[in-house]
Amino acid sequence: MRHQIRTQIDIDATPDEVYAVVADVAAYPEWNPTIVETDGHGRLGEKLRLRMQPTQGGGMTFRPTVTEAEPGVAFEWLGRLGVPGLFDGRHRFELTDLGDGRTRLVHGESFSGLLVRPLRRMLDDGTAHDFEVVNAAIAQRVAERRGVGAHRRPGPEAPTGRSADAPEPGRAAGLV
């Protein structure tokens, strides 16, 4: 059985700037809320070691192989649970230049194998939610690298529902 999760976010940065964040696997523990430990650099063909801690459920360590690393275009790895065909996940960050210094990040994973059907509900709920959380963290990391600063939560000084120094709604931290 096959199953796919696909999320997307538009980010106020070039594809190369976004790629620099998603392909810097060694820095994931600094900003990625679901990957808390890494070993690897994100080079094509490299076997990584990633310690994942989803927002719901227990953590696990997996060892995916980088299958695509094209700067400004896409970064992808293939991970397997046990033997091939049991539960395989092709995790992908795909970048599209929207012009005007903006990038659409499509972040998803294609799952296949015998365990997809029994795990489908967890994938649709927890994993899809975590991808959205990671998307926001990517946008935040890119903004920090660009020196734009962090988007603050609305405080008492901003009764309109956004901080006085926040960008227009839907563009904060690259969200659309």
N, C-alpha and C. Protein backbone atom coordinates (compact mmCIF):
# COMPACT_ATOMS: atom_id res chain seq x y z
N MET A 1 0.84 -1.18 0.00
CA MET A 1 0.00 0.00 0.00
C MET A 1 0.88 1.25 0.00
N ARG A 2 0.37 2.30 -0.60
CA ARG A 2 1.08 3.57 -0.66
C ARG A 2 0.22 4.66 -0.02
N HIS A 3 0.90 5.66 0.52
CA HIS A 3 0.21 6.80 1.11
C HIS A 3 1.15 8.00 1.03
N GLN A 4 0.57 9.19 0.83
CA GLN A 4 1.40 10.38 0.71
C GLN A 4 0.87 11.49 1.59
N ILE A 5 1.80 12.22 2.21
CA ILE A 5 1.48 13.43 2.96
C ILE A 5 2.21 14.56 2.24
N ARG A 6 1.48 15.66 2.04
CA ARG A 6 2.06 16.80 1.33
C ARG A 6 1.60 18.08 2.02
N THR A 7 2.56 18.90 2.40
CA THR A 7 2.26 20.20 2.99
C THR A 7 3.03 21.25 2.21
N GLN A 8 2.66 22.49 2.38
CA GLN A 8 3.42 23.53 1.70
C GLN A 8 3.35 24.84 2.47
N ILE A 9 4.34 25.67 2.21
CA ILE A 9 4.42 26.99 2.82
C ILE A 9 5.18 27.89 1.86
N ASP A 10 4.77 29.14 1.77
CA ASP A 10 5.50 30.14 0.99
C ASP A 10 6.39 30.91 1.96
N ILE A 11 7.65 31.06 1.61
CA ILE A 11 8.64 31.67 2.49
C ILE A 11 9.27 32.88 1.80
N ASP A 12 9.43 33.94 2.55
CA ASP A 12 10.04 35.17 2.04
C ASP A 12 11.56 35.00 2.00
N ALA A 13 12.03 34.24 1.02
CA ALA A 13 13.46 34.00 0.82
C ALA A 13 13.64 33.30 -0.52
N THR A 14 14.86 33.31 -1.00
CA THR A 14 15.14 32.64 -2.27
C THR A 14 15.21 31.13 -2.07
N PRO A 15 15.06 30.35 -3.14
CA PRO A 15 15.20 28.90 -3.02
C PRO A 15 16.56 28.48 -2.44
N ASP A 16 17.63 29.18 -2.79
CA ASP A 16 18.94 28.84 -2.23
C ASP A 16 18.99 29.06 -0.72
N GLU A 17 18.34 30.12 -0.24
CA GLU A 17 18.32 30.38 1.21
C GLU A 17 17.52 29.30 1.95
N VAL A 18 16.41 28.88 1.38
CA VAL A 18 15.60 27.83 2.01
C VAL A 18 16.34 26.50 1.96
N TYR A 19 16.95 26.21 0.82
CA TYR A 19 17.72 24.97 0.69
C TYR A 19 18.83 24.91 1.73
N ALA A 20 19.49 26.02 1.96
CA ALA A 20 20.58 26.04 2.94
C ALA A 20 20.11 25.58 4.32
N VAL A 21 18.87 25.82 4.65
CA VAL A 21 18.32 25.38 5.93
C VAL A 21 17.93 23.90 5.89
N VAL A 22 17.16 23.49 4.87
CA VAL A 22 16.66 22.11 4.86
C VAL A 22 17.77 21.09 4.61
N ALA A 23 18.84 21.48 3.94
CA ALA A 23 19.92 20.54 3.65
C ALA A 23 21.01 20.53 4.71
N ASP A 24 20.96 21.45 5.66
CA ASP A 24 21.97 21.50 6.73
C ASP A 24 21.52 20.58 7.87
N VAL A 25 21.63 19.30 7.61
CA VAL A 25 21.14 18.28 8.55
C VAL A 25 21.81 18.40 9.92
N ALA A 26 23.08 18.73 9.94
CA ALA A 26 23.81 18.84 11.21
C ALA A 26 23.20 19.89 12.13
N ALA A 27 22.54 20.91 11.57
CA ALA A 27 21.95 21.99 12.37
C ALA A 27 20.51 21.71 12.78
N TYR A 28 19.90 20.63 12.32
CA TYR A 28 18.50 20.36 12.66
C TYR A 28 18.21 20.47 14.17
N PRO A 29 19.04 19.91 15.05
CA PRO A 29 18.70 20.01 16.47
C PRO A 29 18.59 21.44 16.99
N GLU A 30 19.17 22.41 16.29
CA GLU A 30 19.11 23.81 16.71
C GLU A 30 17.75 24.44 16.45
N TRP A 31 17.01 23.92 15.45
CA TRP A 31 15.76 24.59 15.08
C TRP A 31 14.59 23.65 14.80
N ASN A 32 14.86 22.39 14.47
CA ASN A 32 13.80 21.47 14.06
C ASN A 32 13.17 20.85 15.31
N PRO A 33 11.89 21.11 15.56
CA PRO A 33 11.27 20.61 16.78
C PRO A 33 11.02 19.10 16.80
N THR A 34 11.17 18.42 15.67
CA THR A 34 10.90 16.98 15.63
C THR A 34 12.14 16.13 15.40
N ILE A 35 13.24 16.73 14.99
CA ILE A 35 14.49 15.97 14.83
C ILE A 35 15.49 16.57 15.81
N VAL A 36 15.73 15.83 16.89
CA VAL A 36 16.45 16.38 18.03
C VAL A 36 17.93 15.98 18.08
N GLU A 37 18.33 15.06 17.22
CA GLU A 37 19.73 14.61 17.19
C GLU A 37 20.03 14.12 15.79
N THR A 38 21.22 14.47 15.29
CA THR A 38 21.59 14.07 13.94
C THR A 38 23.05 13.66 13.87
N ASP A 39 23.33 12.88 12.85
CA ASP A 39 24.70 12.58 12.48
C ASP A 39 24.72 12.52 10.96
N GLY A 40 25.43 13.43 10.35
CA GLY A 40 25.50 13.49 8.90
C GLY A 40 25.49 14.93 8.43
N HIS A 41 25.77 15.09 7.15
CA HIS A 41 25.89 16.43 6.59
C HIS A 41 24.94 16.68 5.42
N GLY A 42 24.20 15.68 4.96
CA GLY A 42 23.23 15.89 3.89
C GLY A 42 23.80 15.80 2.49
N ARG A 43 24.88 15.09 2.33
CA ARG A 43 25.46 14.92 0.99
C ARG A 43 24.77 13.77 0.26
N LEU A 44 24.66 13.89 -1.06
CA LEU A 44 24.05 12.87 -1.89
C LEU A 44 24.68 11.51 -1.63
N GLY A 45 23.86 10.49 -1.38
CA GLY A 45 24.33 9.14 -1.13
C GLY A 45 24.70 8.86 0.31
N GLU A 46 24.75 9.89 1.14
CA GLU A 46 25.15 9.73 2.54
C GLU A 46 24.05 9.07 3.36
N LYS A 47 24.45 8.19 4.26
CA LYS A 47 23.53 7.57 5.21
C LYS A 47 23.55 8.44 6.47
N LEU A 48 22.39 8.98 6.81
CA LEU A 48 22.25 9.85 7.98
C LEU A 48 21.80 9.04 9.19
N ARG A 49 21.95 9.62 10.34
CA ARG A 49 21.34 9.08 11.56
C ARG A 49 20.54 10.23 12.15
N LEU A 50 19.21 10.03 12.24
CA LEU A 50 18.32 11.07 12.74
C LEU A 50 17.50 10.53 13.91
N ARG A 51 17.48 11.28 14.99
CA ARG A 51 16.65 10.94 16.15
C ARG A 51 15.41 11.82 16.07
N MET A 52 14.28 11.18 15.82
CA MET A 52 13.02 11.89 15.65
C MET A 52 12.23 11.82 16.95
N GLN A 53 11.65 12.96 17.33
CA GLN A 53 10.77 13.03 18.49
C GLN A 53 9.50 13.74 18.05
N PRO A 54 8.51 12.97 17.59
CA PRO A 54 7.26 13.61 17.14
C PRO A 54 6.57 14.33 18.29
N THR A 55 5.69 15.27 17.95
CA THR A 55 4.98 16.01 18.99
C THR A 55 4.00 15.10 19.75
N GLN A 56 3.58 14.02 19.10
CA GLN A 56 2.72 13.03 19.75
C GLN A 56 3.40 11.67 19.61
N GLY A 57 3.54 10.96 20.70
CA GLY A 57 4.11 9.62 20.61
C GLY A 57 5.59 9.59 20.96
N GLY A 58 6.15 8.39 20.86
CA GLY A 58 7.53 8.17 21.25
C GLY A 58 8.51 8.46 20.14
N GLY A 59 9.75 8.63 20.54
CA GLY A 59 10.81 8.91 19.59
C GLY A 59 11.40 7.65 18.99
N MET A 60 12.15 7.86 17.92
CA MET A 60 12.84 6.74 17.29
C MET A 60 14.04 7.28 16.52
N THR A 61 15.04 6.43 16.35
CA THR A 61 16.20 6.77 15.55
C THR A 61 16.10 6.00 14.24
N PHE A 62 16.34 6.67 13.14
CA PHE A 62 16.33 5.99 11.85
C PHE A 62 17.54 6.44 11.05
N ARG A 63 17.86 5.67 10.02
CA ARG A 63 19.07 5.89 9.23
C ARG A 63 18.74 5.97 7.74
N PRO A 64 18.19 7.10 7.32
CA PRO A 64 17.85 7.25 5.90
C PRO A 64 19.08 7.56 5.04
N THR A 65 18.94 7.38 3.76
CA THR A 65 19.98 7.70 2.79
C THR A 65 19.53 8.89 1.96
N VAL A 66 20.41 9.88 1.79
CA VAL A 66 20.10 11.06 0.98
C VAL A 66 20.05 10.62 -0.48
N THR A 67 18.90 10.81 -1.12
CA THR A 67 18.71 10.37 -2.50
C THR A 67 18.67 11.53 -3.50
N GLU A 68 18.52 12.75 -3.01
CA GLU A 68 18.58 13.92 -3.88
C GLU A 68 19.07 15.10 -3.06
N ALA A 69 20.01 15.85 -3.61
CA ALA A 69 20.55 17.03 -2.96
C ALA A 69 20.94 18.03 -4.05
N GLU A 70 19.94 18.74 -4.55
CA GLU A 70 20.16 19.70 -5.62
C GLU A 70 19.88 21.10 -5.08
N PRO A 71 20.95 21.87 -4.82
CA PRO A 71 20.78 23.19 -4.21
C PRO A 71 19.75 24.05 -4.93
N GLY A 72 18.87 24.65 -4.11
CA GLY A 72 17.84 25.52 -4.64
C GLY A 72 16.67 24.81 -5.28
N VAL A 73 16.71 23.47 -5.33
CA VAL A 73 15.66 22.71 -6.03
C VAL A 73 14.99 21.69 -5.10
N ALA A 74 15.76 20.75 -4.55
CA ALA A 74 15.15 19.69 -3.75
C ALA A 74 16.19 19.01 -2.86
N PHE A 75 15.70 18.52 -1.72
CA PHE A 75 16.49 17.71 -0.80
C PHE A 75 15.59 16.56 -0.37
N GLU A 76 16.11 15.32 -0.46
CA GLU A 76 15.27 14.15 -0.22
C GLU A 76 16.08 13.03 0.40
N TRP A 77 15.41 12.25 1.25
CA TRP A 77 16.03 11.03 1.77
C TRP A 77 15.02 9.89 1.76
N LEU A 78 15.55 8.67 1.75
CA LEU A 78 14.73 7.47 1.81
C LEU A 78 15.08 6.72 3.08
N GLY A 79 14.06 6.52 3.92
CA GLY A 79 14.25 5.79 5.17
C GLY A 79 13.42 4.52 5.15
N ARG A 80 13.90 3.55 5.88
CA ARG A 80 13.19 2.26 5.96
C ARG A 80 13.12 1.80 7.40
N LEU A 81 12.01 1.18 7.73
CA LEU A 81 11.86 0.53 9.01
C LEU A 81 12.13 -0.95 8.78
N GLY A 82 13.25 -1.41 9.28
CA GLY A 82 13.61 -2.82 9.07
C GLY A 82 13.98 -3.09 7.62
N VAL A 83 13.34 -4.08 7.06
CA VAL A 83 13.67 -4.51 5.70
C VAL A 83 12.86 -3.72 4.67
N PRO A 84 13.38 -3.56 3.45
CA PRO A 84 12.63 -2.86 2.40
C PRO A 84 11.26 -3.52 2.19
N GLY A 85 10.24 -2.66 2.06
CA GLY A 85 8.89 -3.16 1.82
C GLY A 85 8.05 -3.29 3.07
N LEU A 86 8.65 -3.16 4.24
CA LEU A 86 7.89 -3.22 5.48
C LEU A 86 7.24 -1.85 5.74
N PHE A 87 8.06 -0.81 5.77
CA PHE A 87 7.59 0.56 5.92
C PHE A 87 8.70 1.47 5.43
N ASP A 88 8.52 2.00 4.23
CA ASP A 88 9.52 2.87 3.60
C ASP A 88 8.94 4.28 3.49
N GLY A 89 9.79 5.28 3.73
CA GLY A 89 9.36 6.66 3.61
C GLY A 89 10.35 7.48 2.81
N ARG A 90 9.87 8.10 1.76
CA ARG A 90 10.69 9.01 0.94
C ARG A 90 10.30 10.43 1.33
N HIS A 91 11.16 11.06 2.13
CA HIS A 91 10.92 12.39 2.69
C HIS A 91 11.52 13.43 1.75
N ARG A 92 10.73 14.46 1.39
CA ARG A 92 11.18 15.38 0.35
C ARG A 92 10.84 16.83 0.70
N PHE A 93 11.82 17.70 0.43
CA PHE A 93 11.64 19.15 0.47
C PHE A 93 11.85 19.63 -0.96
N GLU A 94 10.80 20.14 -1.59
CA GLU A 94 10.90 20.61 -2.98
C GLU A 94 10.66 22.12 -3.00
N LEU A 95 11.53 22.84 -3.72
CA LEU A 95 11.51 24.29 -3.71
C LEU A 95 11.13 24.84 -5.09
N THR A 96 10.22 25.81 -5.10
CA THR A 96 9.83 26.47 -6.34
C THR A 96 10.02 27.97 -6.16
N ASP A 97 10.74 28.57 -7.09
CA ASP A 97 10.98 30.01 -7.07
C ASP A 97 9.69 30.72 -7.48
N LEU A 98 9.13 31.53 -6.59
CA LEU A 98 7.92 32.28 -6.88
C LEU A 98 8.24 33.67 -7.43
N GLY A 99 9.52 33.97 -7.54
CA GLY A 99 9.92 35.31 -7.96
C GLY A 99 9.83 36.28 -6.79
N ASP A 100 10.35 37.47 -6.99
CA ASP A 100 10.28 38.52 -5.97
C ASP A 100 10.86 38.06 -4.62
N GLY A 101 11.88 37.16 -4.68
CA GLY A 101 12.54 36.72 -3.45
C GLY A 101 11.71 35.80 -2.58
N ARG A 102 10.76 35.08 -3.16
CA ARG A 102 9.91 34.17 -2.40
C ARG A 102 10.01 32.76 -2.95
N THR A 103 9.81 31.79 -2.06
CA THR A 103 9.92 30.37 -2.42
C THR A 103 8.73 29.61 -1.87
N ARG A 104 8.21 28.71 -2.68
CA ARG A 104 7.22 27.75 -2.19
C ARG A 104 7.96 26.47 -1.82
N LEU A 105 7.83 26.08 -0.56
CA LEU A 105 8.39 24.83 -0.07
C LEU A 105 7.27 23.81 0.00
N VAL A 106 7.42 22.73 -0.75
CA VAL A 106 6.50 21.60 -0.65
C VAL A 106 7.25 20.54 0.15
N HIS A 107 6.71 20.22 1.30
CA HIS A 107 7.34 19.31 2.25
C HIS A 107 6.41 18.11 2.40
N GLY A 108 6.92 16.94 2.04
CA GLY A 108 6.05 15.78 2.10
C GLY A 108 6.82 14.49 2.24
N GLU A 109 6.06 13.43 2.28
CA GLU A 109 6.64 12.11 2.36
C GLU A 109 5.71 11.11 1.69
N SER A 110 6.31 10.23 0.92
CA SER A 110 5.58 9.13 0.28
C SER A 110 5.92 7.86 1.04
N PHE A 111 4.91 7.19 1.54
CA PHE A 111 5.09 5.97 2.32
C PHE A 111 4.64 4.77 1.51
N SER A 112 5.35 3.66 1.69
CA SER A 112 4.93 2.41 1.05
C SER A 112 5.32 1.26 1.97
N GLY A 113 4.67 0.13 1.76
CA GLY A 113 4.99 -1.06 2.53
C GLY A 113 3.81 -1.65 3.27
N LEU A 114 4.05 -2.78 3.88
CA LEU A 114 3.00 -3.54 4.56
C LEU A 114 2.38 -2.81 5.75
N LEU A 115 3.16 -1.96 6.43
CA LEU A 115 2.65 -1.30 7.63
C LEU A 115 1.94 0.03 7.36
N VAL A 116 1.86 0.44 6.11
CA VAL A 116 1.22 1.73 5.81
C VAL A 116 -0.24 1.72 6.23
N ARG A 117 -0.99 0.69 5.87
CA ARG A 117 -2.42 0.65 6.19
C ARG A 117 -2.66 0.75 7.70
N PRO A 118 -2.01 -0.08 8.54
CA PRO A 118 -2.30 0.05 9.97
C PRO A 118 -1.79 1.36 10.60
N LEU A 119 -0.84 2.02 9.96
CA LEU A 119 -0.29 3.26 10.52
C LEU A 119 -0.89 4.52 9.87
N ARG A 120 -1.82 4.35 8.95
CA ARG A 120 -2.32 5.48 8.17
C ARG A 120 -2.94 6.58 9.03
N ARG A 121 -3.71 6.23 10.02
CA ARG A 121 -4.34 7.25 10.87
C ARG A 121 -3.29 8.09 11.59
N MET A 122 -2.25 7.43 12.12
CA MET A 122 -1.17 8.15 12.78
C MET A 122 -0.48 9.09 11.79
N LEU A 123 -0.27 8.61 10.57
CA LEU A 123 0.38 9.43 9.55
C LEU A 123 -0.47 10.65 9.21
N ASP A 124 -1.78 10.45 9.03
CA ASP A 124 -2.66 11.55 8.65
C ASP A 124 -2.81 12.58 9.76
N ASP A 125 -2.78 12.15 10.99
CA ASP A 125 -2.97 13.06 12.11
C ASP A 125 -1.62 13.61 12.60
N GLY A 126 -0.85 12.79 13.26
CA GLY A 126 0.38 13.24 13.89
C GLY A 126 1.47 13.69 12.93
N THR A 127 1.74 12.90 11.90
CA THR A 127 2.84 13.22 10.99
C THR A 127 2.52 14.46 10.18
N ALA A 128 1.33 14.58 9.66
CA ALA A 128 0.95 15.76 8.88
C ALA A 128 1.05 17.01 9.75
N HIS A 129 0.60 16.92 10.99
CA HIS A 129 0.70 18.05 11.92
C HIS A 129 2.17 18.43 12.14
N ASP A 130 3.00 17.43 12.36
CA ASP A 130 4.42 17.71 12.60
C ASP A 130 5.08 18.35 11.38
N PHE A 131 4.69 17.97 10.19
CA PHE A 131 5.25 18.60 8.99
C PHE A 131 4.90 20.10 8.97
N GLU A 132 3.67 20.44 9.36
CA GLU A 132 3.28 21.85 9.42
C GLU A 132 4.11 22.60 10.46
N VAL A 133 4.36 21.96 11.60
CA VAL A 133 5.19 22.57 12.64
C VAL A 133 6.61 22.79 12.12
N VAL A 134 7.15 21.81 11.43
CA VAL A 134 8.50 21.93 10.86
C VAL A 134 8.52 23.01 9.79
N ASN A 135 7.49 23.10 8.96
CA ASN A 135 7.44 24.15 7.94
C ASN A 135 7.58 25.53 8.58
N ALA A 136 6.83 25.78 9.65
CA ALA A 136 6.92 27.06 10.34
C ALA A 136 8.32 27.27 10.91
N ALA A 137 8.92 26.21 11.42
CA ALA A 137 10.28 26.31 11.98
C ALA A 137 11.31 26.60 10.88
N ILE A 138 11.10 26.03 9.70
CA ILE A 138 12.00 26.32 8.56
C ILE A 138 11.89 27.81 8.21
N ALA A 139 10.67 28.31 8.08
CA ALA A 139 10.48 29.72 7.76
C ALA A 139 11.12 30.62 8.81
N GLN A 140 10.98 30.24 10.06
CA GLN A 140 11.57 31.01 11.16
C GLN A 140 13.10 31.00 11.07
N ARG A 141 13.67 29.84 10.81
CA ARG A 141 15.13 29.70 10.71
C ARG A 141 15.66 30.53 9.54
N VAL A 142 14.97 30.48 8.41
CA VAL A 142 15.38 31.27 7.25
C VAL A 142 15.33 32.76 7.60
N ALA A 143 14.26 33.19 8.25
CA ALA A 143 14.12 34.60 8.63
C ALA A 143 15.25 35.02 9.56
N GLU A 144 15.59 34.16 10.52
CA GLU A 144 16.68 34.47 11.45
C GLU A 144 18.01 34.60 10.71
N ARG A 145 18.25 33.70 9.77
CA ARG A 145 19.49 33.76 8.99
C ARG A 145 19.56 35.02 8.14
N ARG A 146 18.42 35.50 7.71
CA ARG A 146 18.37 36.72 6.90
C ARG A 146 18.42 37.97 7.76
N GLY A 147 18.34 37.78 9.09
CA GLY A 147 18.37 38.92 10.00
C GLY A 147 17.03 39.63 10.11
N VAL A 148 15.96 38.95 9.71
CA VAL A 148 14.63 39.54 9.76
C VAL A 148 14.10 39.54 11.18
N GLY A 149 14.51 38.58 11.99
CA GLY A 149 14.05 38.50 13.37
C GLY A 149 12.87 37.56 13.53
N ALA A 150 12.61 37.24 14.74
CA ALA A 150 11.54 36.29 15.05
C ALA A 150 10.19 36.97 15.04
N HIS A 151 9.19 36.26 14.61
CA HIS A 151 7.82 36.73 14.70
C HIS A 151 7.38 36.53 16.15
N ARG A 152 6.91 37.59 16.76
CA ARG A 152 6.49 37.48 18.15
C ARG A 152 5.00 37.15 18.22
N ARG A 153 4.63 36.47 19.29
CA ARG A 153 3.21 36.24 19.53
C ARG A 153 2.58 37.57 19.91
N PRO A 154 1.31 37.76 19.57
CA PRO A 154 0.65 39.02 19.94
C PRO A 154 0.70 39.22 21.44
N GLY A 155 1.01 40.42 21.84
CA GLY A 155 1.06 40.76 23.26
C GLY A 155 0.05 41.85 23.56
N PRO A 156 0.07 42.34 24.79
CA PRO A 156 -0.90 43.37 25.16
C PRO A 156 -0.74 44.65 24.34
N GLU A 157 0.47 44.88 23.80
CA GLU A 157 0.68 46.08 23.01
C GLU A 157 0.08 45.97 21.61
N ALA A 158 -0.44 44.80 21.25
CA ALA A 158 -0.98 44.61 19.91
C ALA A 158 -2.37 43.99 19.98
N PRO A 159 -3.37 44.76 20.42
CA PRO A 159 -4.72 44.20 20.57
C PRO A 159 -5.34 43.79 19.25
N THR A 160 -4.77 44.18 18.13
CA THR A 160 -5.32 43.82 16.83
C THR A 160 -5.09 42.36 16.48
N GLY A 161 -4.33 41.63 17.28
CA GLY A 161 -4.08 40.23 17.00
C GLY A 161 -2.73 39.98 16.36
N ARG A 162 -1.93 41.04 16.20
CA ARG A 162 -0.57 40.84 15.71
C ARG A 162 0.33 41.89 16.31
N SER A 163 1.60 41.56 16.42
CA SER A 163 2.57 42.48 16.98
C SER A 163 2.71 43.70 16.10
N ALA A 164 3.03 44.81 16.71
CA ALA A 164 3.17 46.06 15.97
C ALA A 164 4.24 45.97 14.89
N ASP A 165 5.28 45.17 15.12
CA ASP A 165 6.36 45.05 14.14
C ASP A 165 6.22 43.81 13.26
N ALA A 166 5.09 43.11 13.33
CA ALA A 166 4.91 41.88 12.55
C ALA A 166 4.51 42.23 11.13
N PRO A 167 4.92 41.38 10.18
CA PRO A 167 4.48 41.59 8.81
C PRO A 167 2.99 41.32 8.67
N GLU A 168 2.45 41.57 7.50
CA GLU A 168 1.05 41.34 7.24
C GLU A 168 0.65 39.91 7.60
N PRO A 169 -0.58 39.70 8.04
CA PRO A 169 -1.04 38.33 8.33
C PRO A 169 -0.84 37.42 7.13
N GLY A 170 -0.48 36.18 7.38
CA GLY A 170 -0.24 35.23 6.32
C GLY A 170 1.18 35.28 5.78
N ARG A 171 1.96 36.29 6.19
CA ARG A 171 3.34 36.38 5.74
C ARG A 171 4.28 36.27 6.92
N ALA A 172 3.75 36.27 8.12
CA ALA A 172 4.59 36.13 9.31
C ALA A 172 5.30 34.80 9.28
N ALA A 173 6.58 34.82 9.50
CA ALA A 173 7.41 33.62 9.49
C ALA A 173 7.23 32.85 8.19
N GLY A 174 6.83 33.55 7.14
CA GLY A 174 6.71 32.90 5.83
C GLY A 174 5.40 32.17 5.63
N LEU A 175 4.45 32.30 6.52
CA LEU A 175 3.21 31.53 6.42
C LEU A 175 2.27 32.16 5.41
N VAL A 176 1.60 31.32 4.67
CA VAL A 176 0.58 31.79 3.73
C VAL A 176 -0.67 30.97 3.91
